[in-house]
Amino acid sequence: MVSHLPGIVDEPLDPRGCEGAVRTDADGAVVTFTGVVRDHHDGRSVTALRYDAHPRAAEFLAHVCAKYRTGDIRVAAQHRIGDLRIGDVAVVVAVATPHRAEAFTLCAKVIDEIKTQVPIWKFETYADGASDWQTGQC
């Protein structure tokens, strides 16, 4: 059973929280994806970033995780919102399974679905002073 974790948070994320929420003694693999804020996007230097979320984003995130859970597969994910700095952890996905291949595959599927199905928006500020909303790239 996955321990309860808030899906959408406005404080720094620690990947160990998601890992601990899914890990059991029956697992042969725990795969964790940690998405961090990078200093560039499409050839532009990024200086700041903000994530905003729909009020029901946590429900959408929970639905994505639940889609892949079975008796021996556990999935947890968290996404940070608010102002983030370069290098901050923005999103964490952890998948625990009996075998590694399935854990890697499912972790990739979960993060891809989060990016397309969970209503979270990214606002980037660039070194040249311009700024822009990014879609489908939370």
N, C-alpha and C. Protein backbone atom coordinates (compact mmCIF):
# COMPACT_ATOMS: atom_id res chain seq x y z
N MET A 1 0.84 -1.18 0.00
CA MET A 1 0.00 0.00 0.00
C MET A 1 0.88 1.25 0.00
N VAL A 2 0.52 2.22 -0.79
CA VAL A 2 1.27 3.46 -0.88
C VAL A 2 0.90 4.36 0.29
N SER A 3 1.91 4.83 1.00
CA SER A 3 1.67 5.79 2.08
C SER A 3 1.13 7.08 1.46
N HIS A 4 0.34 7.81 2.23
CA HIS A 4 -0.22 9.05 1.71
C HIS A 4 0.86 10.14 1.63
N LEU A 5 0.97 10.72 0.47
CA LEU A 5 1.84 11.86 0.25
C LEU A 5 1.02 12.94 -0.44
N PRO A 6 1.20 14.20 -0.07
CA PRO A 6 0.53 15.24 -0.85
C PRO A 6 1.13 15.28 -2.25
N GLY A 7 0.29 15.31 -3.27
CA GLY A 7 0.79 15.27 -4.64
C GLY A 7 1.34 16.59 -5.13
N ILE A 8 0.69 17.68 -4.75
CA ILE A 8 1.11 19.01 -5.18
C ILE A 8 1.57 19.75 -3.93
N VAL A 9 2.81 20.22 -3.95
CA VAL A 9 3.38 20.86 -2.76
C VAL A 9 4.05 22.18 -3.14
N ASP A 10 4.13 23.08 -2.17
CA ASP A 10 4.79 24.36 -2.41
C ASP A 10 6.07 24.50 -1.60
N GLU A 11 6.62 23.37 -1.19
CA GLU A 11 7.88 23.35 -0.44
C GLU A 11 8.87 22.45 -1.18
N PRO A 12 10.16 22.55 -0.85
CA PRO A 12 11.15 21.70 -1.52
C PRO A 12 10.80 20.21 -1.42
N LEU A 13 11.06 19.49 -2.51
CA LEU A 13 10.79 18.05 -2.57
C LEU A 13 12.03 17.25 -2.22
N ASP A 14 11.82 16.13 -1.55
CA ASP A 14 12.88 15.17 -1.26
C ASP A 14 12.47 13.84 -1.89
N PRO A 15 13.23 13.36 -2.87
CA PRO A 15 12.87 12.10 -3.54
C PRO A 15 12.69 10.93 -2.58
N ARG A 16 13.34 10.98 -1.43
CA ARG A 16 13.21 9.87 -0.47
C ARG A 16 11.78 9.71 0.04
N GLY A 17 11.00 10.77 0.00
CA GLY A 17 9.60 10.68 0.43
C GLY A 17 8.80 9.76 -0.47
N CYS A 18 8.92 9.95 -1.78
CA CYS A 18 8.22 9.07 -2.73
C CYS A 18 8.76 7.66 -2.67
N GLU A 19 10.08 7.53 -2.57
CA GLU A 19 10.68 6.19 -2.50
C GLU A 19 10.16 5.44 -1.27
N GLY A 20 10.14 6.10 -0.14
CA GLY A 20 9.67 5.46 1.08
C GLY A 20 8.19 5.11 1.04
N ALA A 21 7.42 5.88 0.27
CA ALA A 21 5.99 5.63 0.16
C ALA A 21 5.67 4.37 -0.63
N VAL A 22 6.58 3.95 -1.51
CA VAL A 22 6.29 2.80 -2.38
C VAL A 22 7.07 1.54 -2.02
N ARG A 23 8.15 1.68 -1.33
CA ARG A 23 9.06 0.55 -1.11
C ARG A 23 8.53 -0.46 -0.09
N THR A 24 8.66 -1.75 -0.43
CA THR A 24 8.35 -2.84 0.50
C THR A 24 9.47 -3.88 0.39
N ASP A 25 9.46 -4.83 1.29
CA ASP A 25 10.48 -5.89 1.27
C ASP A 25 10.29 -6.85 0.09
N ALA A 26 9.16 -6.80 -0.57
CA ALA A 26 8.90 -7.68 -1.72
C ALA A 26 9.47 -7.14 -3.02
N ASP A 27 9.95 -5.91 -3.01
CA ASP A 27 10.40 -5.27 -4.25
C ASP A 27 11.82 -5.65 -4.62
N GLY A 28 12.01 -5.88 -5.91
CA GLY A 28 13.34 -6.08 -6.44
C GLY A 28 13.88 -4.80 -7.06
N ALA A 29 12.99 -3.82 -7.27
CA ALA A 29 13.41 -2.57 -7.89
C ALA A 29 12.56 -1.41 -7.40
N VAL A 30 13.22 -0.30 -7.15
CA VAL A 30 12.55 0.98 -6.93
C VAL A 30 13.24 1.96 -7.87
N VAL A 31 12.50 2.44 -8.86
CA VAL A 31 13.04 3.39 -9.82
C VAL A 31 12.45 4.76 -9.51
N THR A 32 13.31 5.75 -9.42
CA THR A 32 12.88 7.11 -9.10
C THR A 32 13.34 8.06 -10.20
N PHE A 33 12.40 8.87 -10.68
CA PHE A 33 12.71 9.96 -11.60
C PHE A 33 12.65 11.24 -10.80
N THR A 34 13.70 12.04 -10.89
CA THR A 34 13.75 13.34 -10.22
C THR A 34 13.96 14.40 -11.29
N GLY A 35 12.95 15.22 -11.53
CA GLY A 35 13.05 16.30 -12.50
C GLY A 35 13.52 17.56 -11.82
N VAL A 36 14.58 18.17 -12.34
CA VAL A 36 15.14 19.38 -11.74
C VAL A 36 15.04 20.55 -12.72
N VAL A 37 15.04 21.75 -12.17
CA VAL A 37 14.97 22.97 -12.98
C VAL A 37 16.33 23.19 -13.63
N ARG A 38 16.33 23.28 -14.94
CA ARG A 38 17.59 23.50 -15.67
C ARG A 38 17.73 24.97 -16.05
N ASP A 39 18.93 25.34 -16.47
CA ASP A 39 19.24 26.75 -16.74
C ASP A 39 19.04 27.15 -18.20
N HIS A 40 18.37 26.32 -18.99
CA HIS A 40 18.14 26.66 -20.39
C HIS A 40 16.89 25.97 -20.92
N HIS A 41 16.34 26.52 -22.00
CA HIS A 41 15.21 25.92 -22.69
C HIS A 41 15.18 26.45 -24.11
N ASP A 42 15.19 25.54 -25.06
CA ASP A 42 15.17 25.92 -26.49
C ASP A 42 16.23 26.96 -26.84
N GLY A 43 17.43 26.78 -26.31
CA GLY A 43 18.54 27.66 -26.64
C GLY A 43 18.56 28.98 -25.89
N ARG A 44 17.64 29.16 -24.97
CA ARG A 44 17.58 30.40 -24.19
C ARG A 44 18.03 30.14 -22.76
N SER A 45 18.69 31.11 -22.17
CA SER A 45 19.14 31.01 -20.79
C SER A 45 17.97 31.32 -19.85
N VAL A 46 17.64 30.36 -18.98
CA VAL A 46 16.54 30.52 -18.02
C VAL A 46 17.13 31.00 -16.69
N THR A 47 16.51 32.05 -16.12
CA THR A 47 16.98 32.58 -14.84
C THR A 47 16.00 32.31 -13.70
N ALA A 48 14.74 32.09 -14.02
CA ALA A 48 13.74 31.84 -12.99
C ALA A 48 12.59 31.03 -13.60
N LEU A 49 11.86 30.36 -12.71
CA LEU A 49 10.77 29.52 -13.17
C LEU A 49 9.69 29.47 -12.09
N ARG A 50 8.44 29.44 -12.53
CA ARG A 50 7.32 29.31 -11.60
C ARG A 50 6.35 28.28 -12.16
N TYR A 51 5.87 27.41 -11.27
CA TYR A 51 4.83 26.46 -11.64
C TYR A 51 3.53 26.88 -10.96
N ASP A 52 2.45 26.89 -11.74
CA ASP A 52 1.11 27.10 -11.21
C ASP A 52 0.29 25.86 -11.51
N ALA A 53 -0.69 25.56 -10.67
CA ALA A 53 -1.49 24.36 -10.85
C ALA A 53 -2.98 24.66 -10.71
N HIS A 54 -3.77 23.92 -11.45
CA HIS A 54 -5.22 23.96 -11.32
C HIS A 54 -5.58 23.49 -9.90
N PRO A 55 -6.65 24.01 -9.31
CA PRO A 55 -7.02 23.59 -7.95
C PRO A 55 -7.23 22.08 -7.80
N ARG A 56 -7.56 21.39 -8.87
CA ARG A 56 -7.76 19.94 -8.80
C ARG A 56 -6.58 19.15 -9.35
N ALA A 57 -5.44 19.79 -9.50
CA ALA A 57 -4.27 19.11 -10.07
C ALA A 57 -3.88 17.88 -9.25
N ALA A 58 -4.00 17.94 -7.94
CA ALA A 58 -3.64 16.79 -7.10
C ALA A 58 -4.51 15.58 -7.43
N GLU A 59 -5.78 15.81 -7.76
CA GLU A 59 -6.67 14.71 -8.15
C GLU A 59 -6.20 14.08 -9.46
N PHE A 60 -5.82 14.91 -10.42
CA PHE A 60 -5.33 14.40 -11.69
C PHE A 60 -4.05 13.60 -11.49
N LEU A 61 -3.16 14.11 -10.65
CA LEU A 61 -1.91 13.42 -10.36
C LEU A 61 -2.17 12.07 -9.70
N ALA A 62 -3.08 12.05 -8.74
CA ALA A 62 -3.43 10.79 -8.06
C ALA A 62 -4.01 9.78 -9.04
N HIS A 63 -4.81 10.26 -9.98
CA HIS A 63 -5.41 9.37 -10.99
C HIS A 63 -4.33 8.73 -11.87
N VAL A 64 -3.35 9.52 -12.29
CA VAL A 64 -2.26 8.98 -13.11
C VAL A 64 -1.52 7.89 -12.34
N CYS A 65 -1.21 8.13 -11.09
CA CYS A 65 -0.50 7.12 -10.29
C CYS A 65 -1.35 5.87 -10.09
N ALA A 66 -2.63 6.06 -9.79
CA ALA A 66 -3.52 4.92 -9.53
C ALA A 66 -3.68 4.03 -10.76
N LYS A 67 -3.59 4.62 -11.92
CA LYS A 67 -3.75 3.87 -13.17
C LYS A 67 -2.76 2.72 -13.28
N TYR A 68 -1.58 2.88 -12.71
CA TYR A 68 -0.52 1.87 -12.86
C TYR A 68 -0.34 0.99 -11.62
N ARG A 69 -1.08 1.25 -10.57
CA ARG A 69 -0.94 0.45 -9.35
C ARG A 69 -1.67 -0.88 -9.48
N THR A 70 -1.01 -1.95 -9.06
CA THR A 70 -1.64 -3.26 -8.92
C THR A 70 -1.17 -3.82 -7.59
N GLY A 71 -1.46 -5.08 -7.35
CA GLY A 71 -1.07 -5.69 -6.08
C GLY A 71 0.41 -5.63 -5.79
N ASP A 72 1.25 -5.78 -6.82
CA ASP A 72 2.69 -5.79 -6.59
C ASP A 72 3.42 -4.61 -7.23
N ILE A 73 2.68 -3.62 -7.68
CA ILE A 73 3.27 -2.41 -8.27
C ILE A 73 2.73 -1.20 -7.50
N ARG A 74 3.65 -0.39 -7.00
CA ARG A 74 3.28 0.82 -6.28
C ARG A 74 3.89 2.03 -6.97
N VAL A 75 3.12 3.11 -7.00
CA VAL A 75 3.54 4.34 -7.69
C VAL A 75 3.22 5.53 -6.80
N ALA A 76 4.16 6.46 -6.69
CA ALA A 76 3.93 7.72 -5.98
C ALA A 76 4.57 8.85 -6.78
N ALA A 77 3.95 10.02 -6.72
CA ALA A 77 4.51 11.18 -7.42
C ALA A 77 4.15 12.45 -6.67
N GLN A 78 5.05 13.41 -6.76
CA GLN A 78 4.82 14.74 -6.21
C GLN A 78 5.33 15.77 -7.21
N HIS A 79 4.65 16.91 -7.26
CA HIS A 79 5.08 18.02 -8.12
C HIS A 79 5.07 19.29 -7.28
N ARG A 80 6.11 20.05 -7.41
CA ARG A 80 6.23 21.31 -6.68
C ARG A 80 5.61 22.44 -7.49
N ILE A 81 5.01 23.40 -6.80
CA ILE A 81 4.50 24.61 -7.44
C ILE A 81 5.12 25.82 -6.75
N GLY A 82 4.94 26.97 -7.38
CA GLY A 82 5.50 28.20 -6.83
C GLY A 82 6.79 28.56 -7.54
N ASP A 83 7.56 29.44 -6.92
CA ASP A 83 8.82 29.91 -7.50
C ASP A 83 9.94 28.91 -7.19
N LEU A 84 10.63 28.49 -8.24
CA LEU A 84 11.75 27.55 -8.10
C LEU A 84 13.01 28.18 -8.68
N ARG A 85 14.15 27.73 -8.17
CA ARG A 85 15.44 28.20 -8.66
C ARG A 85 16.07 27.12 -9.52
N ILE A 86 17.07 27.50 -10.28
CA ILE A 86 17.83 26.54 -11.07
C ILE A 86 18.39 25.48 -10.12
N GLY A 87 18.20 24.21 -10.47
CA GLY A 87 18.68 23.11 -9.65
C GLY A 87 17.67 22.56 -8.66
N ASP A 88 16.58 23.29 -8.42
CA ASP A 88 15.55 22.79 -7.50
C ASP A 88 14.85 21.56 -8.09
N VAL A 89 14.41 20.67 -7.22
CA VAL A 89 13.63 19.51 -7.65
C VAL A 89 12.20 19.97 -7.91
N ALA A 90 11.70 19.70 -9.12
CA ALA A 90 10.36 20.13 -9.51
C ALA A 90 9.34 19.00 -9.45
N VAL A 91 9.77 17.78 -9.74
CA VAL A 91 8.85 16.64 -9.78
C VAL A 91 9.60 15.37 -9.40
N VAL A 92 8.91 14.48 -8.69
CA VAL A 92 9.48 13.18 -8.32
C VAL A 92 8.45 12.11 -8.62
N VAL A 93 8.89 11.03 -9.26
CA VAL A 93 8.06 9.84 -9.48
C VAL A 93 8.85 8.65 -8.97
N ALA A 94 8.21 7.80 -8.17
CA ALA A 94 8.85 6.57 -7.71
C ALA A 94 7.93 5.39 -8.03
N VAL A 95 8.53 4.33 -8.56
CA VAL A 95 7.79 3.11 -8.90
C VAL A 95 8.53 1.93 -8.29
N ALA A 96 7.80 1.10 -7.56
CA ALA A 96 8.38 -0.11 -6.96
C ALA A 96 7.69 -1.33 -7.57
N THR A 97 8.51 -2.28 -8.02
CA THR A 97 8.00 -3.51 -8.64
C THR A 97 8.91 -4.68 -8.25
N PRO A 98 8.46 -5.90 -8.53
CA PRO A 98 9.31 -7.05 -8.24
C PRO A 98 10.58 -7.10 -9.10
N HIS A 99 10.52 -6.53 -10.34
CA HIS A 99 11.64 -6.62 -11.27
C HIS A 99 11.94 -5.26 -11.90
N ARG A 100 13.20 -5.03 -12.25
CA ARG A 100 13.65 -3.70 -12.70
C ARG A 100 13.08 -3.24 -14.03
N ALA A 101 12.96 -4.13 -15.02
CA ALA A 101 12.51 -3.70 -16.35
C ALA A 101 11.14 -3.04 -16.27
N GLU A 102 10.24 -3.64 -15.54
CA GLU A 102 8.90 -3.09 -15.39
C GLU A 102 8.94 -1.75 -14.66
N ALA A 103 9.78 -1.63 -13.66
CA ALA A 103 9.88 -0.38 -12.90
C ALA A 103 10.36 0.77 -13.79
N PHE A 104 11.38 0.52 -14.62
CA PHE A 104 11.87 1.56 -15.52
C PHE A 104 10.80 1.97 -16.52
N THR A 105 10.15 0.98 -17.12
CA THR A 105 9.12 1.26 -18.13
C THR A 105 7.97 2.06 -17.53
N LEU A 106 7.48 1.64 -16.38
CA LEU A 106 6.35 2.33 -15.76
C LEU A 106 6.71 3.73 -15.29
N CYS A 107 7.90 3.91 -14.78
CA CYS A 107 8.32 5.24 -14.33
C CYS A 107 8.31 6.22 -15.51
N ALA A 108 8.80 5.78 -16.66
CA ALA A 108 8.79 6.63 -17.86
C ALA A 108 7.36 6.95 -18.28
N LYS A 109 6.47 5.97 -18.24
CA LYS A 109 5.08 6.21 -18.62
C LYS A 109 4.41 7.20 -17.67
N VAL A 110 4.66 7.05 -16.39
CA VAL A 110 4.03 7.94 -15.41
C VAL A 110 4.48 9.38 -15.61
N ILE A 111 5.77 9.64 -15.76
CA ILE A 111 6.21 11.03 -15.94
C ILE A 111 5.68 11.61 -17.25
N ASP A 112 5.62 10.80 -18.30
CA ASP A 112 5.06 11.28 -19.57
C ASP A 112 3.60 11.67 -19.40
N GLU A 113 2.83 10.87 -18.67
CA GLU A 113 1.42 11.20 -18.46
C GLU A 113 1.25 12.42 -17.55
N ILE A 114 2.10 12.55 -16.56
CA ILE A 114 2.02 13.75 -15.71
C ILE A 114 2.18 14.99 -16.58
N LYS A 115 3.14 14.97 -17.48
CA LYS A 115 3.41 16.14 -18.33
C LYS A 115 2.23 16.48 -19.24
N THR A 116 1.44 15.48 -19.63
CA THR A 116 0.34 15.74 -20.56
C THR A 116 -1.04 15.76 -19.92
N GLN A 117 -1.20 15.14 -18.74
CA GLN A 117 -2.54 14.98 -18.17
C GLN A 117 -2.80 15.80 -16.91
N VAL A 118 -1.77 16.26 -16.26
CA VAL A 118 -1.95 17.00 -15.00
C VAL A 118 -1.86 18.50 -15.29
N PRO A 119 -2.90 19.27 -14.92
CA PRO A 119 -2.92 20.69 -15.25
C PRO A 119 -1.98 21.54 -14.38
N ILE A 120 -0.71 21.50 -14.78
CA ILE A 120 0.34 22.31 -14.15
C ILE A 120 1.01 23.10 -15.27
N TRP A 121 1.22 24.39 -15.02
CA TRP A 121 1.78 25.26 -16.05
C TRP A 121 3.10 25.85 -15.58
N LYS A 122 4.02 25.96 -16.54
CA LYS A 122 5.37 26.46 -16.24
C LYS A 122 5.55 27.84 -16.88
N PHE A 123 6.01 28.79 -16.07
CA PHE A 123 6.29 30.14 -16.53
C PHE A 123 7.78 30.39 -16.37
N GLU A 124 8.46 30.59 -17.49
CA GLU A 124 9.92 30.78 -17.48
C GLU A 124 10.28 32.24 -17.68
N THR A 125 11.32 32.68 -16.98
CA THR A 125 11.91 34.00 -17.17
C THR A 125 13.32 33.78 -17.71
N TYR A 126 13.67 34.55 -18.73
CA TYR A 126 14.94 34.36 -19.43
C TYR A 126 15.94 35.48 -19.11
N ALA A 127 17.19 35.21 -19.40
CA ALA A 127 18.27 36.16 -19.11
C ALA A 127 18.10 37.48 -19.85
N ASP A 128 17.43 37.45 -21.00
CA ASP A 128 17.23 38.69 -21.77
C ASP A 128 16.06 39.52 -21.25
N GLY A 129 15.42 39.07 -20.15
CA GLY A 129 14.31 39.80 -19.54
C GLY A 129 12.94 39.36 -20.02
N ALA A 130 12.88 38.60 -21.09
CA ALA A 130 11.61 38.09 -21.60
C ALA A 130 11.11 36.95 -20.71
N SER A 131 9.84 36.63 -20.85
CA SER A 131 9.26 35.51 -20.11
C SER A 131 8.18 34.87 -20.97
N ASP A 132 7.84 33.60 -20.64
CA ASP A 132 6.90 32.87 -21.48
C ASP A 132 6.32 31.68 -20.73
N TRP A 133 5.05 31.40 -20.99
CA TRP A 133 4.41 30.19 -20.48
C TRP A 133 4.78 29.03 -21.38
N GLN A 134 5.08 27.89 -20.78
CA GLN A 134 5.38 26.66 -21.52
C GLN A 134 4.20 25.71 -21.32
N THR A 135 3.75 25.07 -22.38
CA THR A 135 2.63 24.14 -22.26
C THR A 135 3.10 22.71 -22.47
N GLY A 136 2.51 21.79 -21.72
CA GLY A 136 2.84 20.37 -21.84
C GLY A 136 4.26 20.05 -21.44
N GLN A 137 4.86 20.92 -20.64
CA GLN A 137 6.26 20.72 -20.27
C GLN A 137 6.48 20.90 -18.78
N CYS A 138 5.47 20.54 -18.00
CA CYS A 138 5.64 20.72 -16.56
C CYS A 138 6.75 19.81 -16.09
